[in-house]
N, C-alpha and C. Protein backbone atom coordinates (compact mmCIF):
# COMPACT_ATOMS: atom_id res chain seq x y z
N MET A 1 0.85 -1.20 0.00
CA MET A 1 0.00 0.00 0.00
C MET A 1 0.88 1.24 0.00
N SER A 2 0.52 2.20 -0.83
CA SER A 2 1.36 3.39 -0.92
C SER A 2 1.14 4.30 0.28
N GLN A 3 2.19 4.99 0.63
CA GLN A 3 2.12 5.90 1.77
C GLN A 3 1.93 7.32 1.28
N ILE A 4 1.14 8.07 2.03
CA ILE A 4 0.87 9.47 1.69
C ILE A 4 1.63 10.36 2.66
N THR A 5 2.24 11.41 2.11
CA THR A 5 2.88 12.40 2.98
C THR A 5 1.81 13.40 3.40
N PRO A 6 1.52 13.51 4.70
CA PRO A 6 0.46 14.43 5.12
C PRO A 6 0.90 15.89 5.01
N GLU A 7 -0.09 16.77 4.91
CA GLU A 7 0.19 18.21 4.88
C GLU A 7 0.61 18.66 6.28
N VAL A 8 1.61 19.51 6.33
CA VAL A 8 2.10 20.02 7.60
C VAL A 8 1.97 21.54 7.60
N LEU A 9 1.21 22.06 8.56
CA LEU A 9 1.10 23.52 8.71
C LEU A 9 2.01 23.94 9.85
N TRP A 10 2.66 25.10 9.69
CA TRP A 10 3.54 25.53 10.77
C TRP A 10 3.53 27.03 10.95
N ALA A 11 3.80 27.44 12.18
CA ALA A 11 3.96 28.84 12.54
C ALA A 11 4.95 28.87 13.70
N GLN A 12 5.41 30.05 14.08
CA GLN A 12 6.41 30.09 15.16
C GLN A 12 6.36 31.38 15.95
N ARG A 13 6.98 31.32 17.12
CA ARG A 13 7.23 32.49 17.96
C ARG A 13 8.70 32.39 18.38
N SER A 14 9.26 33.53 18.80
CA SER A 14 10.63 33.48 19.30
C SER A 14 10.76 34.39 20.51
N SER A 15 11.70 34.04 21.38
CA SER A 15 11.96 34.85 22.57
C SER A 15 13.36 34.54 23.07
N THR A 16 14.04 35.57 23.55
CA THR A 16 15.37 35.36 24.12
C THR A 16 15.27 35.11 25.62
N THR A 17 14.11 35.42 26.22
CA THR A 17 13.99 35.33 27.68
C THR A 17 12.97 34.30 28.16
N ASP A 18 11.91 34.05 27.39
CA ASP A 18 10.84 33.18 27.84
C ASP A 18 10.75 31.93 26.97
N PRO A 19 11.21 30.79 27.49
CA PRO A 19 11.18 29.55 26.69
C PRO A 19 9.76 29.18 26.24
N GLU A 20 8.76 29.55 27.03
CA GLU A 20 7.36 29.25 26.69
C GLU A 20 6.93 29.93 25.39
N LYS A 21 7.60 31.05 25.07
CA LYS A 21 7.23 31.79 23.86
C LYS A 21 8.23 31.58 22.73
N ASN A 22 9.09 30.61 22.89
CA ASN A 22 10.11 30.32 21.89
C ASN A 22 9.76 28.96 21.27
N VAL A 23 8.70 28.97 20.43
CA VAL A 23 8.10 27.70 20.02
C VAL A 23 7.79 27.63 18.52
N ILE A 24 7.57 26.39 18.08
CA ILE A 24 7.08 26.11 16.73
C ILE A 24 5.72 25.43 16.90
N PHE A 25 4.71 25.90 16.16
CA PHE A 25 3.40 25.24 16.13
C PHE A 25 3.35 24.38 14.88
N LEU A 26 3.13 23.08 15.05
CA LEU A 26 3.04 22.17 13.91
C LEU A 26 1.67 21.51 13.92
N THR A 27 1.03 21.42 12.78
CA THR A 27 -0.22 20.67 12.66
C THR A 27 -0.05 19.69 11.50
N ILE A 28 -0.11 18.40 11.83
CA ILE A 28 -0.02 17.36 10.80
C ILE A 28 -1.44 16.95 10.46
N SER A 29 -1.85 17.17 9.22
CA SER A 29 -3.24 16.90 8.81
C SER A 29 -3.41 15.42 8.47
N VAL A 30 -3.99 14.68 9.41
CA VAL A 30 -4.23 13.25 9.21
C VAL A 30 -5.64 12.89 9.70
N PRO A 31 -6.67 13.18 8.87
CA PRO A 31 -8.03 12.93 9.30
C PRO A 31 -8.30 11.45 9.55
N ASP A 32 -9.14 11.18 10.55
CA ASP A 32 -9.59 9.82 10.85
C ASP A 32 -8.48 8.84 11.17
N VAL A 33 -7.40 9.33 11.78
CA VAL A 33 -6.36 8.41 12.25
C VAL A 33 -6.51 8.31 13.77
N PRO A 34 -7.02 7.18 14.27
CA PRO A 34 -7.18 7.05 15.73
C PRO A 34 -5.82 6.97 16.42
N LYS A 35 -5.83 7.30 17.70
CA LYS A 35 -4.59 7.35 18.47
C LYS A 35 -3.82 6.02 18.41
N GLU A 36 -4.57 4.92 18.46
CA GLU A 36 -3.90 3.61 18.47
C GLU A 36 -3.26 3.27 17.12
N ASN A 37 -3.61 4.03 16.08
CA ASN A 37 -3.05 3.75 14.75
C ASN A 37 -1.94 4.72 14.35
N LEU A 38 -1.45 5.49 15.32
CA LEU A 38 -0.39 6.41 14.93
C LEU A 38 0.83 6.24 15.84
N LYS A 39 1.96 6.53 15.24
CA LYS A 39 3.22 6.45 15.97
C LYS A 39 3.99 7.73 15.67
N LEU A 40 4.34 8.44 16.72
CA LEU A 40 5.08 9.70 16.56
C LEU A 40 6.38 9.60 17.34
N ASP A 41 7.47 9.76 16.62
CA ASP A 41 8.78 9.72 17.26
C ASP A 41 9.40 11.12 17.16
N LEU A 42 9.44 11.79 18.29
CA LEU A 42 9.95 13.17 18.32
C LEU A 42 11.40 13.15 18.80
N LYS A 43 12.28 13.71 18.00
CA LYS A 43 13.70 13.77 18.35
C LYS A 43 14.14 15.23 18.37
N PRO A 44 15.27 15.53 19.01
CA PRO A 44 15.75 16.92 19.03
C PRO A 44 15.96 17.50 17.63
N THR A 45 16.26 16.63 16.66
CA THR A 45 16.59 17.13 15.33
C THR A 45 15.46 16.99 14.32
N GLY A 46 14.38 16.28 14.69
CA GLY A 46 13.30 16.08 13.73
C GLY A 46 12.22 15.18 14.28
N LEU A 47 11.33 14.75 13.38
CA LEU A 47 10.29 13.83 13.83
C LEU A 47 9.93 12.84 12.73
N THR A 48 9.45 11.67 13.18
CA THR A 48 8.93 10.66 12.27
C THR A 48 7.50 10.36 12.69
N PHE A 49 6.60 10.35 11.73
CA PHE A 49 5.19 10.08 12.02
C PHE A 49 4.69 8.99 11.08
N ASP A 50 4.00 8.02 11.66
CA ASP A 50 3.32 7.00 10.87
C ASP A 50 1.91 6.87 11.39
N GLY A 51 0.93 6.83 10.48
CA GLY A 51 -0.45 6.70 10.90
C GLY A 51 -1.27 6.03 9.83
N HIS A 52 -2.36 5.37 10.26
CA HIS A 52 -3.23 4.69 9.28
C HIS A 52 -4.68 5.00 9.58
N SER A 53 -5.42 5.36 8.54
CA SER A 53 -6.86 5.60 8.65
C SER A 53 -7.60 4.43 8.02
N GLU A 54 -8.34 3.70 8.85
CA GLU A 54 -9.13 2.57 8.34
C GLU A 54 -10.23 3.08 7.42
N THR A 55 -10.91 4.15 7.85
CA THR A 55 -12.07 4.65 7.10
C THR A 55 -11.66 5.19 5.73
N LEU A 56 -10.54 5.89 5.66
CA LEU A 56 -10.09 6.46 4.39
C LEU A 56 -9.15 5.54 3.63
N LYS A 57 -8.80 4.43 4.27
CA LYS A 57 -7.85 3.46 3.67
C LYS A 57 -6.57 4.16 3.22
N ARG A 58 -6.04 4.96 4.15
CA ARG A 58 -4.81 5.69 3.84
C ARG A 58 -3.76 5.42 4.90
N THR A 59 -2.51 5.32 4.45
CA THR A 59 -1.39 5.21 5.38
C THR A 59 -0.51 6.43 5.19
N TYR A 60 -0.26 7.13 6.29
CA TYR A 60 0.53 8.36 6.24
C TYR A 60 1.93 8.10 6.77
N HIS A 61 2.88 8.77 6.15
CA HIS A 61 4.27 8.69 6.64
C HIS A 61 4.92 10.06 6.48
N LEU A 62 5.59 10.49 7.54
CA LEU A 62 6.28 11.77 7.52
C LEU A 62 7.61 11.62 8.23
N ASP A 63 8.67 12.08 7.60
CA ASP A 63 10.00 12.03 8.22
C ASP A 63 10.69 13.35 7.89
N ILE A 64 10.80 14.24 8.89
CA ILE A 64 11.39 15.55 8.61
C ILE A 64 12.51 15.87 9.59
N THR A 65 13.45 16.67 9.11
CA THR A 65 14.55 17.15 9.94
C THR A 65 14.38 18.65 10.12
N PHE A 66 14.36 19.08 11.38
CA PHE A 66 14.11 20.50 11.67
C PHE A 66 15.31 21.37 11.32
N TYR A 67 15.01 22.64 11.12
CA TYR A 67 16.06 23.63 10.83
C TYR A 67 17.08 23.69 11.97
N ALA A 68 16.59 23.65 13.21
CA ALA A 68 17.46 23.68 14.38
C ALA A 68 16.89 22.71 15.43
N GLU A 69 17.60 22.56 16.53
CA GLU A 69 17.17 21.57 17.53
C GLU A 69 16.00 22.07 18.36
N ILE A 70 15.21 21.08 18.82
CA ILE A 70 14.10 21.39 19.71
C ILE A 70 14.32 20.68 21.06
N ASP A 71 13.59 21.12 22.05
CA ASP A 71 13.62 20.53 23.38
C ASP A 71 12.46 19.54 23.48
N VAL A 72 12.75 18.27 23.30
CA VAL A 72 11.71 17.24 23.25
C VAL A 72 10.90 17.18 24.55
N ASP A 73 11.58 17.28 25.70
CA ASP A 73 10.91 17.14 27.00
C ASP A 73 9.88 18.22 27.25
N ASN A 74 10.07 19.39 26.67
CA ASN A 74 9.14 20.50 26.89
C ASN A 74 8.23 20.77 25.70
N SER A 75 8.15 19.80 24.79
CA SER A 75 7.25 19.91 23.65
C SER A 75 5.97 19.13 23.98
N ARG A 76 4.84 19.58 23.40
CA ARG A 76 3.56 18.93 23.72
C ARG A 76 2.85 18.47 22.44
N VAL A 77 2.15 17.33 22.55
CA VAL A 77 1.43 16.76 21.42
C VAL A 77 -0.05 16.66 21.78
N HIS A 78 -0.91 17.08 20.85
CA HIS A 78 -2.36 17.01 21.07
C HIS A 78 -2.98 16.34 19.85
N HIS A 79 -3.68 15.23 20.07
CA HIS A 79 -4.26 14.47 18.96
C HIS A 79 -5.76 14.76 18.87
N THR A 80 -6.24 15.07 17.66
CA THR A 80 -7.68 15.28 17.45
C THR A 80 -8.13 14.33 16.33
N ALA A 81 -9.42 14.35 16.03
CA ALA A 81 -9.96 13.47 14.98
C ALA A 81 -9.45 13.87 13.60
N ARG A 82 -9.01 15.11 13.47
CA ARG A 82 -8.58 15.59 12.15
C ARG A 82 -7.06 15.69 11.98
N ASN A 83 -6.35 15.90 13.09
CA ASN A 83 -4.93 16.13 12.95
C ASN A 83 -4.16 15.86 14.25
N VAL A 84 -2.86 16.01 14.14
CA VAL A 84 -1.99 15.93 15.31
C VAL A 84 -1.33 17.30 15.45
N GLU A 85 -1.60 17.96 16.58
CA GLU A 85 -1.04 19.29 16.82
C GLU A 85 0.14 19.15 17.77
N ILE A 86 1.24 19.78 17.40
CA ILE A 86 2.45 19.68 18.21
C ILE A 86 2.98 21.07 18.49
N LYS A 87 3.30 21.32 19.74
CA LYS A 87 3.94 22.59 20.11
C LYS A 87 5.38 22.25 20.47
N LEU A 88 6.28 22.59 19.60
CA LEU A 88 7.70 22.27 19.78
C LEU A 88 8.41 23.43 20.46
N ARG A 89 9.15 23.13 21.48
CA ARG A 89 9.95 24.16 22.15
C ARG A 89 11.30 24.25 21.44
N LYS A 90 11.62 25.43 20.93
CA LYS A 90 12.95 25.60 20.32
C LYS A 90 14.00 25.49 21.41
N LYS A 91 15.10 24.83 21.10
CA LYS A 91 16.14 24.63 22.12
C LYS A 91 16.89 25.91 22.42
N GLU A 92 17.22 26.65 21.36
CA GLU A 92 18.02 27.86 21.53
C GLU A 92 17.12 29.08 21.64
N LEU A 93 17.31 29.84 22.72
CA LEU A 93 16.54 31.08 22.90
C LEU A 93 17.13 32.16 22.00
N LYS A 94 16.38 32.52 20.97
CA LYS A 94 16.85 33.54 20.03
C LYS A 94 15.70 34.44 19.65
N GLU A 95 16.01 35.69 19.39
CA GLU A 95 14.97 36.64 18.98
C GLU A 95 14.55 36.38 17.53
N GLU A 96 15.51 35.93 16.70
CA GLU A 96 15.22 35.73 15.28
C GLU A 96 14.35 34.49 15.08
N PHE A 97 13.45 34.59 14.11
CA PHE A 97 12.67 33.42 13.69
C PHE A 97 13.57 32.44 12.96
N TRP A 98 13.17 31.18 12.96
CA TRP A 98 13.81 30.24 12.05
C TRP A 98 13.44 30.70 10.64
N PRO A 99 14.41 30.67 9.71
CA PRO A 99 14.08 31.10 8.34
C PRO A 99 13.15 30.12 7.64
N ARG A 100 13.12 28.88 8.10
CA ARG A 100 12.24 27.84 7.53
C ARG A 100 12.10 26.72 8.56
N LEU A 101 11.16 25.83 8.34
CA LEU A 101 10.93 24.72 9.27
C LEU A 101 11.98 23.62 9.11
N LEU A 102 12.34 23.33 7.87
CA LEU A 102 13.20 22.18 7.60
C LEU A 102 14.67 22.58 7.43
N LYS A 103 15.52 21.62 7.73
CA LYS A 103 16.96 21.86 7.62
C LYS A 103 17.36 22.16 6.18
N GLU A 104 16.80 21.37 5.28
CA GLU A 104 17.13 21.53 3.87
C GLU A 104 16.41 22.74 3.29
N ALA A 105 17.10 23.50 2.47
CA ALA A 105 16.54 24.77 1.98
C ALA A 105 15.56 24.59 0.83
N LYS A 106 15.48 23.40 0.23
CA LYS A 106 14.59 23.26 -0.93
C LYS A 106 13.12 23.29 -0.49
N LYS A 107 12.27 23.81 -1.37
CA LYS A 107 10.84 23.93 -1.06
C LYS A 107 10.16 22.58 -1.21
N VAL A 108 9.33 22.25 -0.24
CA VAL A 108 8.57 21.01 -0.34
C VAL A 108 7.08 21.35 -0.36
N GLN A 109 6.33 20.59 -1.12
CA GLN A 109 4.91 20.88 -1.34
C GLN A 109 4.06 20.70 -0.08
N PHE A 110 4.44 19.77 0.79
CA PHE A 110 3.55 19.41 1.90
C PHE A 110 3.67 20.34 3.12
N VAL A 111 4.68 21.21 3.14
CA VAL A 111 4.83 22.14 4.26
C VAL A 111 4.25 23.50 3.88
N LYS A 112 3.28 23.96 4.70
CA LYS A 112 2.63 25.23 4.39
C LYS A 112 2.58 26.10 5.65
N THR A 113 2.48 27.40 5.44
CA THR A 113 2.37 28.34 6.56
C THR A 113 0.98 28.25 7.18
N ASP A 114 0.93 28.21 8.49
CA ASP A 114 -0.34 28.19 9.20
C ASP A 114 -0.74 29.65 9.48
N PHE A 115 -1.54 30.22 8.58
CA PHE A 115 -1.88 31.65 8.69
C PHE A 115 -2.76 31.95 9.90
N ASP A 116 -3.46 30.93 10.42
CA ASP A 116 -4.27 31.15 11.62
C ASP A 116 -3.39 31.48 12.82
N LYS A 117 -2.18 30.94 12.83
CA LYS A 117 -1.31 31.15 13.99
C LYS A 117 -0.13 32.08 13.71
N TRP A 118 0.07 32.40 12.44
CA TRP A 118 1.28 33.15 12.07
C TRP A 118 1.18 34.62 12.45
N VAL A 119 2.28 35.16 12.96
CA VAL A 119 2.43 36.62 13.09
C VAL A 119 3.83 36.97 12.61
N ASP A 120 4.00 38.22 12.21
CA ASP A 120 5.32 38.65 11.79
C ASP A 120 6.24 38.78 13.01
N GLU A 121 7.51 38.62 12.75
CA GLU A 121 8.51 38.63 13.82
C GLU A 121 8.40 39.88 14.70
N ASP A 122 8.20 41.04 14.06
CA ASP A 122 8.20 42.29 14.82
C ASP A 122 6.85 42.57 15.50
N GLU A 123 5.84 41.71 15.25
CA GLU A 123 4.53 41.95 15.86
C GLU A 123 4.13 40.84 16.83
N GLN A 124 5.03 39.88 17.05
CA GLN A 124 4.62 38.71 17.83
C GLN A 124 4.27 39.03 19.29
N ASN A 125 4.87 40.08 19.84
CA ASN A 125 4.57 40.40 21.24
C ASN A 125 3.21 41.06 21.42
N GLU A 126 2.62 41.53 20.30
CA GLU A 126 1.32 42.20 20.38
C GLU A 126 0.17 41.21 20.34
N VAL A 127 0.44 39.97 19.97
CA VAL A 127 -0.64 38.99 19.84
C VAL A 127 -0.56 38.00 20.99
N PRO A 128 -1.45 38.12 21.96
CA PRO A 128 -1.44 37.17 23.06
C PRO A 128 -1.76 35.78 22.53
N GLU A 129 -0.92 34.83 22.91
CA GLU A 129 -1.05 33.47 22.38
C GLU A 129 -2.41 32.86 22.72
N ASP A 130 -2.91 33.17 23.90
CA ASP A 130 -4.15 32.55 24.36
C ASP A 130 -5.37 33.01 23.58
N ASP A 131 -5.24 34.10 22.83
CA ASP A 131 -6.41 34.66 22.16
C ASP A 131 -6.73 34.00 20.83
N PHE A 132 -5.87 33.10 20.36
CA PHE A 132 -6.09 32.53 19.03
C PHE A 132 -7.44 31.84 18.91
N SER A 133 -7.83 31.11 19.95
CA SER A 133 -9.05 30.32 19.85
C SER A 133 -10.27 31.21 19.62
N GLN A 134 -10.25 32.42 20.18
CA GLN A 134 -11.41 33.31 20.03
C GLN A 134 -11.53 33.83 18.60
N PHE A 135 -10.41 34.02 17.94
CA PHE A 135 -10.44 34.71 16.66
C PHE A 135 -10.61 33.81 15.47
N GLY A 136 -10.49 32.52 15.66
CA GLY A 136 -10.56 31.63 14.50
C GLY A 136 -9.47 32.00 13.51
N GLY A 137 -9.87 32.24 12.27
CA GLY A 137 -8.90 32.51 11.21
C GLY A 137 -8.21 33.85 11.33
N MET A 138 -8.70 34.75 12.18
CA MET A 138 -8.09 36.08 12.22
C MET A 138 -7.01 36.18 13.28
N GLY A 139 -6.76 35.08 13.98
CA GLY A 139 -5.88 35.12 15.14
C GLY A 139 -4.56 35.82 14.93
N GLY A 140 -3.78 35.35 13.97
CA GLY A 140 -2.44 35.88 13.86
C GLY A 140 -2.24 36.88 12.76
N MET A 141 -3.32 37.40 12.20
CA MET A 141 -3.13 38.33 11.09
C MET A 141 -2.44 39.60 11.57
N PRO A 142 -1.32 39.96 10.97
CA PRO A 142 -0.60 41.15 11.42
C PRO A 142 -1.48 42.38 11.28
N GLY A 143 -1.34 43.30 12.22
CA GLY A 143 -2.03 44.58 12.12
C GLY A 143 -3.46 44.56 12.61
N MET A 144 -3.97 43.41 13.04
CA MET A 144 -5.35 43.38 13.49
C MET A 144 -5.48 43.91 14.91
N GLY A 145 -4.35 44.08 15.60
CA GLY A 145 -4.40 44.50 16.99
C GLY A 145 -5.00 45.88 17.20
N GLY A 146 -4.99 46.72 16.18
CA GLY A 146 -5.46 48.09 16.35
C GLY A 146 -6.96 48.21 16.53
N MET A 147 -7.71 47.21 16.12
CA MET A 147 -9.17 47.30 16.23
C MET A 147 -9.61 46.99 17.64
N GLY A 148 -10.02 47.99 18.35
CA GLY A 148 -10.53 47.75 19.70
C GLY A 148 -9.51 47.08 20.59
N GLY A 149 -8.23 47.40 20.37
CA GLY A 149 -7.19 46.81 21.21
C GLY A 149 -7.06 45.31 21.02
N GLY A 150 -7.49 44.80 19.88
CA GLY A 150 -7.34 43.37 19.62
C GLY A 150 -8.46 42.54 20.24
N ASP A 151 -9.47 43.17 20.81
CA ASP A 151 -10.56 42.41 21.40
C ASP A 151 -11.79 42.52 20.52
N PHE A 152 -12.12 41.44 19.82
CA PHE A 152 -13.26 41.45 18.92
C PHE A 152 -14.53 41.01 19.63
N GLY A 153 -14.43 40.72 20.92
CA GLY A 153 -15.53 40.11 21.64
C GLY A 153 -16.85 40.81 21.47
N GLY A 154 -16.90 42.15 21.66
CA GLY A 154 -18.18 42.83 21.69
C GLY A 154 -18.62 43.42 20.37
N ILE A 155 -17.85 43.22 19.29
CA ILE A 155 -18.18 43.89 18.04
C ILE A 155 -19.04 42.98 17.17
N ASP A 156 -20.15 43.50 16.69
CA ASP A 156 -20.98 42.77 15.74
C ASP A 156 -20.62 43.29 14.36
N PHE A 157 -19.86 42.48 13.61
CA PHE A 157 -19.34 42.94 12.32
C PHE A 157 -20.45 43.25 11.32
N SER A 158 -21.61 42.61 11.46
CA SER A 158 -22.70 42.87 10.52
C SER A 158 -23.21 44.30 10.66
N LYS A 159 -23.07 44.88 11.86
CA LYS A 159 -23.58 46.23 12.07
C LYS A 159 -22.60 47.29 11.56
N LEU A 160 -21.38 46.88 11.25
CA LEU A 160 -20.39 47.86 10.80
C LEU A 160 -20.53 48.17 9.32
N GLY A 161 -21.32 47.36 8.61
CA GLY A 161 -21.39 47.48 7.15
C GLY A 161 -21.79 48.85 6.66
N GLY A 162 -22.74 49.52 7.33
CA GLY A 162 -23.25 50.77 6.80
C GLY A 162 -22.44 51.99 7.21
N ALA A 163 -21.54 51.84 8.16
CA ALA A 163 -20.79 53.00 8.64
C ALA A 163 -19.75 53.41 7.60
N PRO A 164 -19.54 54.71 7.42
CA PRO A 164 -18.54 55.16 6.43
C PRO A 164 -17.17 54.61 6.80
N GLY A 165 -16.51 54.01 5.80
CA GLY A 165 -15.17 53.47 6.04
C GLY A 165 -15.20 52.25 6.93
N GLY A 166 -16.38 51.75 7.25
CA GLY A 166 -16.49 50.57 8.11
C GLY A 166 -16.18 49.31 7.33
N VAL A 167 -16.20 48.20 8.01
CA VAL A 167 -15.92 46.92 7.37
C VAL A 167 -17.02 46.64 6.36
N GLY A 168 -16.63 46.23 5.17
CA GLY A 168 -17.61 45.87 4.15
C GLY A 168 -18.38 47.05 3.58
N ASP A 169 -17.80 48.25 3.60
CA ASP A 169 -18.50 49.43 3.09
C ASP A 169 -18.23 49.55 1.59
N ASP A 170 -19.06 48.90 0.79
CA ASP A 170 -18.84 48.89 -0.65
C ASP A 170 -19.57 50.04 -1.34
N ASP A 171 -20.63 50.57 -0.73
CA ASP A 171 -21.43 51.60 -1.37
C ASP A 171 -20.80 52.97 -1.16
N GLU A 172 -19.87 53.31 -2.03
CA GLU A 172 -19.14 54.55 -1.83
C GLU A 172 -20.06 55.76 -1.94
N GLY A 173 -21.08 55.67 -2.82
CA GLY A 173 -21.97 56.80 -3.02
C GLY A 173 -22.81 57.11 -1.79
N ASP A 174 -22.96 56.17 -0.91
CA ASP A 174 -23.84 56.38 0.25
C ASP A 174 -23.14 57.11 1.39
N GLU A 175 -21.86 57.32 1.26
CA GLU A 175 -21.13 57.87 2.41
C GLU A 175 -21.68 59.22 2.85
N ASP A 176 -21.97 60.12 1.89
CA ASP A 176 -22.47 61.44 2.25
C ASP A 176 -23.82 61.33 2.94
N ASP A 177 -24.67 60.45 2.40
CA ASP A 177 -26.00 60.27 3.00
C ASP A 177 -25.87 59.82 4.45
N ASP A 178 -24.94 58.90 4.68
CA ASP A 178 -24.76 58.39 6.04
C ASP A 178 -24.40 59.53 6.99
N ASP A 179 -23.50 60.41 6.50
CA ASP A 179 -23.10 61.52 7.36
C ASP A 179 -24.29 62.39 7.73
N ASP A 180 -25.15 62.64 6.71
CA ASP A 180 -26.30 63.50 6.97
C ASP A 180 -27.28 62.86 7.94
N GLU A 181 -27.40 61.54 7.86
CA GLU A 181 -28.41 60.86 8.67
C GLU A 181 -27.99 60.70 10.12
N MET A 182 -26.73 60.78 10.39
CA MET A 182 -26.28 60.43 11.73
C MET A 182 -26.90 61.28 12.84
N PRO A 183 -26.87 62.63 12.76
CA PRO A 183 -27.42 63.40 13.88
C PRO A 183 -28.89 63.09 14.15
N PRO A 184 -29.79 63.02 13.12
CA PRO A 184 -31.19 62.71 13.42
C PRO A 184 -31.33 61.37 14.12
N LEU A 185 -30.49 60.39 13.75
CA LEU A 185 -30.58 59.07 14.39
C LEU A 185 -30.37 59.21 15.88
N GLU A 186 -29.35 59.97 16.25
CA GLU A 186 -29.09 60.14 17.68
C GLU A 186 -30.26 60.83 18.35
N GLY A 187 -30.81 61.85 17.65
CA GLY A 187 -31.95 62.59 18.18
C GLY A 187 -33.15 61.67 18.34
N GLU A 188 -33.36 60.80 17.32
CA GLU A 188 -34.49 59.88 17.39
C GLU A 188 -34.36 58.97 18.60
N GLU A 189 -33.15 58.51 18.85
CA GLU A 189 -32.95 57.64 20.01
C GLU A 189 -33.34 58.38 21.29
N ASP A 190 -32.94 59.65 21.39
CA ASP A 190 -33.28 60.44 22.57
C ASP A 190 -34.79 60.59 22.68
N ALA A 191 -35.44 60.82 21.52
CA ALA A 191 -36.89 61.00 21.52
C ALA A 191 -37.59 59.73 21.98
N LYS A 192 -37.07 58.58 21.49
CA LYS A 192 -37.66 57.31 21.91
C LYS A 192 -37.51 57.11 23.40
N ALA A 193 -36.35 57.48 23.91
CA ALA A 193 -36.10 57.34 25.36
C ALA A 193 -37.08 58.21 26.13
N ASP A 194 -37.34 59.46 25.62
CA ASP A 194 -38.28 60.35 26.27
C ASP A 194 -39.70 59.78 26.25
N ASP A 195 -40.09 59.18 25.08
CA ASP A 195 -41.41 58.57 24.97
C ASP A 195 -41.60 57.49 26.03
N LYS A 196 -40.56 56.66 26.16
CA LYS A 196 -40.65 55.57 27.14
C LYS A 196 -40.80 56.13 28.55
N ALA A 197 -40.06 57.20 28.82
CA ALA A 197 -40.11 57.80 30.16
C ALA A 197 -41.50 58.37 30.43
N ASP A 198 -42.15 58.89 29.36
CA ASP A 198 -43.50 59.48 29.55
C ASP A 198 -44.56 58.44 29.83
N LYS A 199 -44.34 57.20 29.27
CA LYS A 199 -45.40 56.18 29.39
C LYS A 199 -45.50 55.63 30.79
């Protein structure tokens, strides 16, 4: 049976002082591979992964050598129904990012950037690691921190559509109208509040 090389998504952080923030995020895409059907051998210089999906009738094999060494003891593995997520601790505390995931400089098709987790080197301190889960796909997008201090919790994006220069403002001709309508809207709200108070 032929072996398939699974897709590997990766992102990274770096720190000279905090080992917890000096990491590589790896996601090996292996849907429907139960825990008992996979073998992961993590070494300081690389990893070997073998897995088999009964439902998809696929056997996965991955053997990669990292750009630099990792700290195996402080790395963590999380297995889900769709993939194997690994948080690798870089061994050397350095401010610079690894220029690539693999030791060899040639481009390989199966390694891709994980844009959900990626941030630029100079912006990594602005993105709290714990916030990724809340943002879904917008987690690591550079420059998103300026909107409401990076907290999207209370914003309803559908309501921003009509505001001038707001998200999704495609109707350029309506901008002037919006400006004109704004003061009466505020006044109407006050009037409604007064009506309620009178009742």
